[in-house]
Amino acid sequence: MAVKVLLDALNSVRTVRKLPVLSLDSRESKCSRLHSQHMALNGQISHDQFPTDVCVPYHYAAENVGFDPGSAPNAVIVLHNLMMREGPCAPASCSGPTYEQHAHYLNILNPKYRHVGIGIVVKRGATWLTEDFTT
């Protein structure tokens, strides 16, 4: 249920901006879930396995990860809203550290991504999230 809630939220913000909707890739979602399990076991968010943990063929890929002390599905909406609040960066200054401050938002709204893997793990009442975007 939390996966559908998040997919609907992702596609809602994309639709408003007239971007292609994302299709949920069930094969990639299994790998995204493995990454969320990895983070939960280590107790910290990380990109330490990206892009090798993207287990489907792709031309472009990006990854959003997050943690919320609450349980899904509410936690995935909290994380989604936090990522969207990063907002866009000025095109002239969107590189390096500036890009990193806006990367979640930019990944969600990147028109070249057409597929997403969503991995959600709840451990001890906390939610770990991985979103893998591919095209």
N, C-alpha and C. Protein backbone atom coordinates (compact mmCIF):
# COMPACT_ATOMS: atom_id res chain seq x y z
N MET A 1 0.82 -1.20 0.00
CA MET A 1 0.00 0.00 0.00
C MET A 1 0.86 1.26 0.00
N ALA A 2 1.93 1.27 0.78
CA ALA A 2 2.80 2.45 0.84
C ALA A 2 3.46 2.71 -0.51
N VAL A 3 3.78 1.66 -1.25
CA VAL A 3 4.38 1.83 -2.57
C VAL A 3 3.41 2.55 -3.49
N LYS A 4 2.15 2.14 -3.49
CA LYS A 4 1.15 2.79 -4.34
C LYS A 4 0.94 4.24 -3.92
N VAL A 5 0.90 4.50 -2.63
CA VAL A 5 0.75 5.88 -2.13
C VAL A 5 1.88 6.75 -2.65
N LEU A 6 3.12 6.24 -2.58
CA LEU A 6 4.27 7.01 -3.04
C LEU A 6 4.26 7.17 -4.56
N LEU A 7 3.97 6.10 -5.28
CA LEU A 7 3.91 6.19 -6.74
C LEU A 7 2.87 7.22 -7.17
N ASP A 8 1.72 7.22 -6.52
CA ASP A 8 0.69 8.21 -6.84
C ASP A 8 1.18 9.62 -6.56
N ALA A 9 1.91 9.81 -5.46
CA ALA A 9 2.44 11.15 -5.13
C ALA A 9 3.47 11.59 -6.16
N LEU A 10 4.35 10.68 -6.56
CA LEU A 10 5.36 11.01 -7.57
C LEU A 10 4.68 11.41 -8.88
N ASN A 11 3.73 10.62 -9.30
CA ASN A 11 3.07 10.88 -10.58
C ASN A 11 2.16 12.10 -10.53
N SER A 12 1.64 12.40 -9.37
CA SER A 12 0.82 13.60 -9.22
C SER A 12 1.63 14.87 -9.49
N VAL A 13 2.82 14.95 -8.90
CA VAL A 13 3.64 16.16 -9.11
C VAL A 13 4.17 16.20 -10.54
N ARG A 14 4.40 15.06 -11.14
CA ARG A 14 4.86 15.03 -12.53
C ARG A 14 3.73 15.43 -13.48
N THR A 15 2.54 14.95 -13.23
CA THR A 15 1.40 15.27 -14.09
C THR A 15 1.09 16.75 -14.08
N VAL A 16 1.13 17.36 -12.90
CA VAL A 16 0.87 18.80 -12.80
C VAL A 16 1.83 19.59 -13.67
N ARG A 17 3.06 19.08 -13.81
CA ARG A 17 4.08 19.76 -14.61
C ARG A 17 4.14 19.24 -16.04
N LYS A 18 3.14 18.45 -16.41
CA LYS A 18 3.03 17.88 -17.76
C LYS A 18 4.23 17.01 -18.14
N LEU A 19 4.74 16.27 -17.16
CA LEU A 19 5.84 15.33 -17.38
C LEU A 19 5.27 13.93 -17.52
N PRO A 20 5.99 13.04 -18.21
CA PRO A 20 5.50 11.66 -18.32
C PRO A 20 5.40 11.01 -16.94
N VAL A 21 4.36 10.21 -16.76
CA VAL A 21 4.25 9.50 -15.49
C VAL A 21 5.30 8.39 -15.42
N LEU A 22 5.63 8.01 -14.21
CA LEU A 22 6.58 6.94 -13.99
C LEU A 22 5.84 5.62 -13.89
N SER A 23 6.38 4.60 -14.53
CA SER A 23 5.81 3.26 -14.35
C SER A 23 6.64 2.55 -13.28
N LEU A 24 5.95 1.82 -12.44
CA LEU A 24 6.62 1.08 -11.38
C LEU A 24 7.23 -0.18 -11.98
N ASP A 25 8.52 -0.34 -11.79
CA ASP A 25 9.24 -1.52 -12.28
C ASP A 25 9.37 -2.49 -11.11
N SER A 26 8.63 -3.58 -11.17
CA SER A 26 8.62 -4.52 -10.04
C SER A 26 9.98 -5.19 -9.84
N ARG A 27 10.69 -5.43 -10.93
CA ARG A 27 12.01 -6.05 -10.81
C ARG A 27 12.98 -5.09 -10.13
N GLU A 28 12.97 -3.83 -10.55
CA GLU A 28 13.83 -2.84 -9.92
C GLU A 28 13.42 -2.60 -8.47
N SER A 29 12.12 -2.65 -8.20
CA SER A 29 11.65 -2.43 -6.83
C SER A 29 12.22 -3.46 -5.86
N LYS A 30 12.41 -4.69 -6.32
CA LYS A 30 13.03 -5.71 -5.46
C LYS A 30 14.44 -5.29 -5.08
N CYS A 31 15.19 -4.75 -6.03
CA CYS A 31 16.56 -4.31 -5.76
C CYS A 31 16.56 -3.04 -4.91
N SER A 32 15.60 -2.16 -5.15
CA SER A 32 15.47 -0.95 -4.33
C SER A 32 15.18 -1.34 -2.88
N ARG A 33 14.34 -2.35 -2.71
CA ARG A 33 14.02 -2.83 -1.36
C ARG A 33 15.27 -3.42 -0.70
N LEU A 34 16.08 -4.13 -1.45
CA LEU A 34 17.32 -4.67 -0.88
C LEU A 34 18.23 -3.54 -0.39
N HIS A 35 18.26 -2.43 -1.15
CA HIS A 35 19.08 -1.29 -0.70
C HIS A 35 18.49 -0.68 0.58
N SER A 36 17.17 -0.59 0.66
CA SER A 36 16.55 -0.08 1.88
C SER A 36 16.85 -0.99 3.07
N GLN A 37 16.84 -2.30 2.84
CA GLN A 37 17.20 -3.25 3.91
C GLN A 37 18.64 -3.04 4.34
N HIS A 38 19.53 -2.83 3.38
CA HIS A 38 20.94 -2.57 3.66
C HIS A 38 21.09 -1.33 4.55
N MET A 39 20.38 -0.27 4.21
CA MET A 39 20.46 0.95 5.01
C MET A 39 19.91 0.72 6.42
N ALA A 40 18.79 0.01 6.51
CA ALA A 40 18.18 -0.26 7.82
C ALA A 40 19.12 -1.07 8.69
N LEU A 41 19.78 -2.07 8.11
CA LEU A 41 20.72 -2.89 8.88
C LEU A 41 21.92 -2.08 9.36
N ASN A 42 22.38 -1.14 8.51
CA ASN A 42 23.52 -0.30 8.89
C ASN A 42 23.13 0.91 9.73
N GLY A 43 21.84 1.21 9.77
CA GLY A 43 21.35 2.32 10.58
C GLY A 43 21.68 3.69 10.02
N GLN A 44 21.90 3.78 8.71
CA GLN A 44 22.17 5.08 8.10
C GLN A 44 21.81 5.07 6.61
N ILE A 45 21.38 6.25 6.13
CA ILE A 45 21.09 6.35 4.71
C ILE A 45 22.40 6.43 3.95
N SER A 46 22.40 5.86 2.75
CA SER A 46 23.62 5.85 1.95
C SER A 46 23.30 5.60 0.48
N HIS A 47 24.27 5.96 -0.33
CA HIS A 47 24.24 5.64 -1.76
C HIS A 47 25.41 4.71 -2.08
N ASP A 48 25.91 4.00 -1.08
CA ASP A 48 27.14 3.23 -1.23
C ASP A 48 27.07 2.10 -2.24
N GLN A 49 25.88 1.70 -2.65
CA GLN A 49 25.76 0.62 -3.63
C GLN A 49 25.29 1.11 -5.00
N PHE A 50 25.05 2.40 -5.12
CA PHE A 50 24.56 2.97 -6.38
C PHE A 50 25.73 3.25 -7.31
N PRO A 51 25.67 2.95 -8.58
CA PRO A 51 24.55 2.42 -9.35
C PRO A 51 24.55 0.91 -9.51
N THR A 52 25.49 0.22 -8.84
CA THR A 52 25.56 -1.24 -9.06
C THR A 52 24.31 -1.96 -8.57
N ASP A 53 23.54 -1.35 -7.66
CA ASP A 53 22.34 -2.01 -7.18
C ASP A 53 21.12 -1.78 -8.08
N VAL A 54 21.28 -1.01 -9.15
CA VAL A 54 20.20 -0.87 -10.13
C VAL A 54 20.27 -2.12 -11.00
N CYS A 55 19.25 -2.95 -10.88
CA CYS A 55 19.35 -4.30 -11.46
C CYS A 55 18.55 -4.47 -12.75
N VAL A 56 18.26 -3.37 -13.43
CA VAL A 56 17.59 -3.44 -14.73
C VAL A 56 18.46 -2.67 -15.73
N PRO A 57 18.34 -3.00 -17.01
CA PRO A 57 19.09 -2.22 -18.00
C PRO A 57 18.61 -0.76 -17.99
N TYR A 58 19.54 0.18 -18.15
CA TYR A 58 19.17 1.59 -18.16
C TYR A 58 20.19 2.40 -18.95
N HIS A 59 19.76 3.55 -19.42
CA HIS A 59 20.65 4.52 -20.04
C HIS A 59 21.05 5.58 -19.03
N TYR A 60 20.08 6.00 -18.22
CA TYR A 60 20.30 6.99 -17.16
C TYR A 60 19.66 6.45 -15.89
N ALA A 61 20.29 6.75 -14.76
CA ALA A 61 19.72 6.32 -13.48
C ALA A 61 20.03 7.35 -12.41
N ALA A 62 19.15 7.43 -11.44
CA ALA A 62 19.33 8.30 -10.28
C ALA A 62 18.69 7.61 -9.09
N GLU A 63 19.12 8.01 -7.90
CA GLU A 63 18.61 7.36 -6.70
C GLU A 63 18.32 8.41 -5.63
N ASN A 64 17.14 8.29 -5.04
CA ASN A 64 16.78 9.06 -3.86
C ASN A 64 16.66 8.08 -2.70
N VAL A 65 17.22 8.45 -1.56
CA VAL A 65 17.08 7.63 -0.36
C VAL A 65 16.63 8.52 0.79
N GLY A 66 15.97 7.91 1.76
CA GLY A 66 15.52 8.67 2.91
C GLY A 66 15.18 7.79 4.08
N PHE A 67 15.02 8.45 5.23
CA PHE A 67 14.68 7.79 6.48
C PHE A 67 13.69 8.67 7.22
N ASP A 68 12.69 8.04 7.82
CA ASP A 68 11.75 8.76 8.67
C ASP A 68 11.46 7.88 9.88
N PRO A 69 11.42 8.45 11.08
CA PRO A 69 11.19 7.64 12.28
C PRO A 69 9.77 7.08 12.39
N GLY A 70 8.88 7.48 11.50
CA GLY A 70 7.51 6.98 11.52
C GLY A 70 7.32 5.77 10.63
N SER A 71 6.13 5.23 10.67
CA SER A 71 5.80 4.05 9.87
C SER A 71 5.16 4.45 8.55
N ALA A 72 5.36 3.60 7.56
CA ALA A 72 4.74 3.78 6.25
C ALA A 72 3.25 3.51 6.41
N PRO A 73 2.33 4.08 5.62
CA PRO A 73 2.58 4.92 4.46
C PRO A 73 2.76 6.40 4.77
N ASN A 74 2.46 6.82 6.01
CA ASN A 74 2.63 8.24 6.33
C ASN A 74 4.07 8.71 6.13
N ALA A 75 5.02 7.88 6.53
CA ALA A 75 6.43 8.26 6.44
C ALA A 75 6.86 8.51 4.99
N VAL A 76 6.35 7.73 4.04
CA VAL A 76 6.78 7.94 2.65
C VAL A 76 6.26 9.27 2.12
N ILE A 77 5.10 9.71 2.58
CA ILE A 77 4.59 11.01 2.16
C ILE A 77 5.39 12.13 2.83
N VAL A 78 5.77 11.96 4.08
CA VAL A 78 6.64 12.94 4.75
C VAL A 78 7.94 13.07 3.97
N LEU A 79 8.55 11.95 3.62
CA LEU A 79 9.82 11.98 2.87
C LEU A 79 9.62 12.60 1.49
N HIS A 80 8.55 12.24 0.81
CA HIS A 80 8.27 12.81 -0.51
C HIS A 80 8.14 14.33 -0.41
N ASN A 81 7.39 14.80 0.57
CA ASN A 81 7.20 16.24 0.73
C ASN A 81 8.52 16.95 1.06
N LEU A 82 9.36 16.34 1.87
CA LEU A 82 10.67 16.93 2.16
C LEU A 82 11.52 17.04 0.90
N MET A 83 11.48 16.00 0.08
CA MET A 83 12.25 16.01 -1.16
C MET A 83 11.73 17.09 -2.11
N MET A 84 10.43 17.24 -2.19
CA MET A 84 9.85 18.25 -3.07
C MET A 84 10.14 19.66 -2.55
N ARG A 85 10.25 19.84 -1.24
CA ARG A 85 10.54 21.16 -0.69
C ARG A 85 11.95 21.64 -1.01
N GLU A 86 12.81 20.74 -1.45
CA GLU A 86 14.16 21.17 -1.87
C GLU A 86 14.05 22.17 -3.00
N GLY A 87 13.06 21.99 -3.85
CA GLY A 87 12.80 22.92 -4.94
C GLY A 87 13.91 22.93 -5.99
N PRO A 88 13.65 23.66 -7.07
CA PRO A 88 14.63 23.74 -8.15
C PRO A 88 15.77 24.68 -7.78
N CYS A 89 16.88 24.51 -8.44
CA CYS A 89 17.98 25.46 -8.26
C CYS A 89 18.09 26.30 -9.53
N ALA A 90 18.71 27.44 -9.37
CA ALA A 90 18.92 28.31 -10.53
C ALA A 90 19.77 27.57 -11.55
N PRO A 91 19.37 27.54 -12.83
CA PRO A 91 20.12 26.78 -13.83
C PRO A 91 21.60 27.14 -13.89
N ALA A 92 21.93 28.38 -13.67
CA ALA A 92 23.33 28.80 -13.77
C ALA A 92 24.18 28.27 -12.62
N SER A 93 23.53 27.88 -11.53
CA SER A 93 24.32 27.46 -10.36
C SER A 93 23.98 26.05 -9.89
N CYS A 94 23.52 25.22 -10.78
CA CYS A 94 23.07 23.89 -10.37
C CYS A 94 24.15 22.84 -10.63
N SER A 95 25.22 22.92 -9.88
CA SER A 95 26.27 21.91 -9.97
C SER A 95 26.91 21.76 -8.59
N GLY A 96 27.64 20.69 -8.43
CA GLY A 96 28.36 20.45 -7.18
C GLY A 96 27.44 20.50 -5.96
N PRO A 97 27.86 21.23 -4.91
CA PRO A 97 27.08 21.27 -3.67
C PRO A 97 25.67 21.84 -3.87
N THR A 98 25.52 22.78 -4.79
CA THR A 98 24.20 23.35 -5.04
C THR A 98 23.27 22.28 -5.59
N TYR A 99 23.76 21.47 -6.52
CA TYR A 99 22.96 20.37 -7.07
C TYR A 99 22.53 19.43 -5.95
N GLU A 100 23.46 19.08 -5.07
CA GLU A 100 23.17 18.13 -3.99
C GLU A 100 22.04 18.63 -3.09
N GLN A 101 21.91 19.93 -2.93
CA GLN A 101 20.86 20.50 -2.09
C GLN A 101 19.48 20.37 -2.74
N HIS A 102 19.45 20.08 -4.02
CA HIS A 102 18.19 20.01 -4.76
C HIS A 102 18.02 18.67 -5.49
N ALA A 103 18.92 17.74 -5.30
CA ALA A 103 18.97 16.52 -6.11
C ALA A 103 17.71 15.67 -6.03
N HIS A 104 17.11 15.51 -4.85
CA HIS A 104 15.90 14.69 -4.76
C HIS A 104 14.79 15.26 -5.64
N TYR A 105 14.59 16.56 -5.51
CA TYR A 105 13.56 17.25 -6.30
C TYR A 105 13.85 17.10 -7.79
N LEU A 106 15.10 17.32 -8.17
CA LEU A 106 15.48 17.25 -9.58
C LEU A 106 15.31 15.83 -10.14
N ASN A 107 15.61 14.82 -9.34
CA ASN A 107 15.41 13.44 -9.78
C ASN A 107 13.93 13.14 -10.00
N ILE A 108 13.09 13.55 -9.05
CA ILE A 108 11.66 13.28 -9.15
C ILE A 108 11.07 13.91 -10.41
N LEU A 109 11.52 15.11 -10.75
CA LEU A 109 10.93 15.84 -11.86
C LEU A 109 11.74 15.79 -13.15
N ASN A 110 12.72 14.93 -13.21
CA ASN A 110 13.52 14.81 -14.43
C ASN A 110 12.68 14.11 -15.51
N PRO A 111 12.42 14.80 -16.63
CA PRO A 111 11.54 14.22 -17.66
C PRO A 111 12.13 13.00 -18.36
N LYS A 112 13.43 12.79 -18.28
CA LYS A 112 13.99 11.63 -18.98
C LYS A 112 13.71 10.31 -18.24
N TYR A 113 13.39 10.37 -16.95
CA TYR A 113 13.08 9.14 -16.23
C TYR A 113 11.66 8.70 -16.51
N ARG A 114 11.51 7.41 -16.84
CA ARG A 114 10.19 6.86 -17.18
C ARG A 114 9.79 5.71 -16.25
N HIS A 115 10.76 5.18 -15.49
CA HIS A 115 10.50 4.03 -14.62
C HIS A 115 11.05 4.33 -13.23
N VAL A 116 10.46 3.69 -12.24
CA VAL A 116 10.94 3.85 -10.88
C VAL A 116 10.84 2.50 -10.16
N GLY A 117 11.85 2.24 -9.37
CA GLY A 117 11.81 1.13 -8.42
C GLY A 117 11.64 1.75 -7.05
N ILE A 118 10.73 1.24 -6.27
CA ILE A 118 10.48 1.78 -4.93
C ILE A 118 10.70 0.66 -3.93
N GLY A 119 11.61 0.91 -2.99
CA GLY A 119 11.89 -0.05 -1.93
C GLY A 119 11.63 0.57 -0.58
N ILE A 120 10.70 0.01 0.16
CA ILE A 120 10.33 0.53 1.47
C ILE A 120 10.54 -0.58 2.50
N VAL A 121 11.27 -0.26 3.56
CA VAL A 121 11.49 -1.21 4.64
C VAL A 121 11.16 -0.50 5.95
N VAL A 122 10.36 -1.16 6.77
CA VAL A 122 10.05 -0.63 8.10
C VAL A 122 10.75 -1.53 9.11
N LYS A 123 11.61 -0.91 9.90
CA LYS A 123 12.36 -1.64 10.93
C LYS A 123 12.26 -0.87 12.24
N ARG A 124 11.79 -1.55 13.26
CA ARG A 124 11.59 -0.94 14.58
C ARG A 124 10.74 0.33 14.49
N GLY A 125 9.71 0.29 13.65
CA GLY A 125 8.79 1.41 13.52
C GLY A 125 9.27 2.56 12.66
N ALA A 126 10.51 2.48 12.15
CA ALA A 126 11.06 3.53 11.29
C ALA A 126 11.05 3.06 9.83
N THR A 127 10.94 4.02 8.93
CA THR A 127 10.83 3.72 7.50
C THR A 127 12.09 4.13 6.75
N TRP A 128 12.59 3.20 5.96
CA TRP A 128 13.75 3.41 5.09
C TRP A 128 13.26 3.34 3.65
N LEU A 129 13.66 4.30 2.83
CA LEU A 129 13.13 4.42 1.48
C LEU A 129 14.25 4.52 0.45
N THR A 130 14.08 3.78 -0.65
CA THR A 130 14.93 3.93 -1.83
C THR A 130 14.03 4.09 -3.05
N GLU A 131 14.31 5.13 -3.83
CA GLU A 131 13.66 5.33 -5.12
C GLU A 131 14.76 5.29 -6.18
N ASP A 132 14.65 4.36 -7.11
CA ASP A 132 15.61 4.28 -8.21
C ASP A 132 14.88 4.65 -9.50
N PHE A 133 15.33 5.74 -10.12
CA PHE A 133 14.74 6.24 -11.36
C PHE A 133 15.59 5.79 -12.54
N THR A 134 14.93 5.29 -13.60
CA THR A 134 15.69 4.83 -14.76
C THR A 134 14.97 5.21 -16.06
N THR A 135 15.76 5.19 -17.12
CA THR A 135 15.22 5.35 -18.45
C THR A 135 15.97 4.45 -19.40
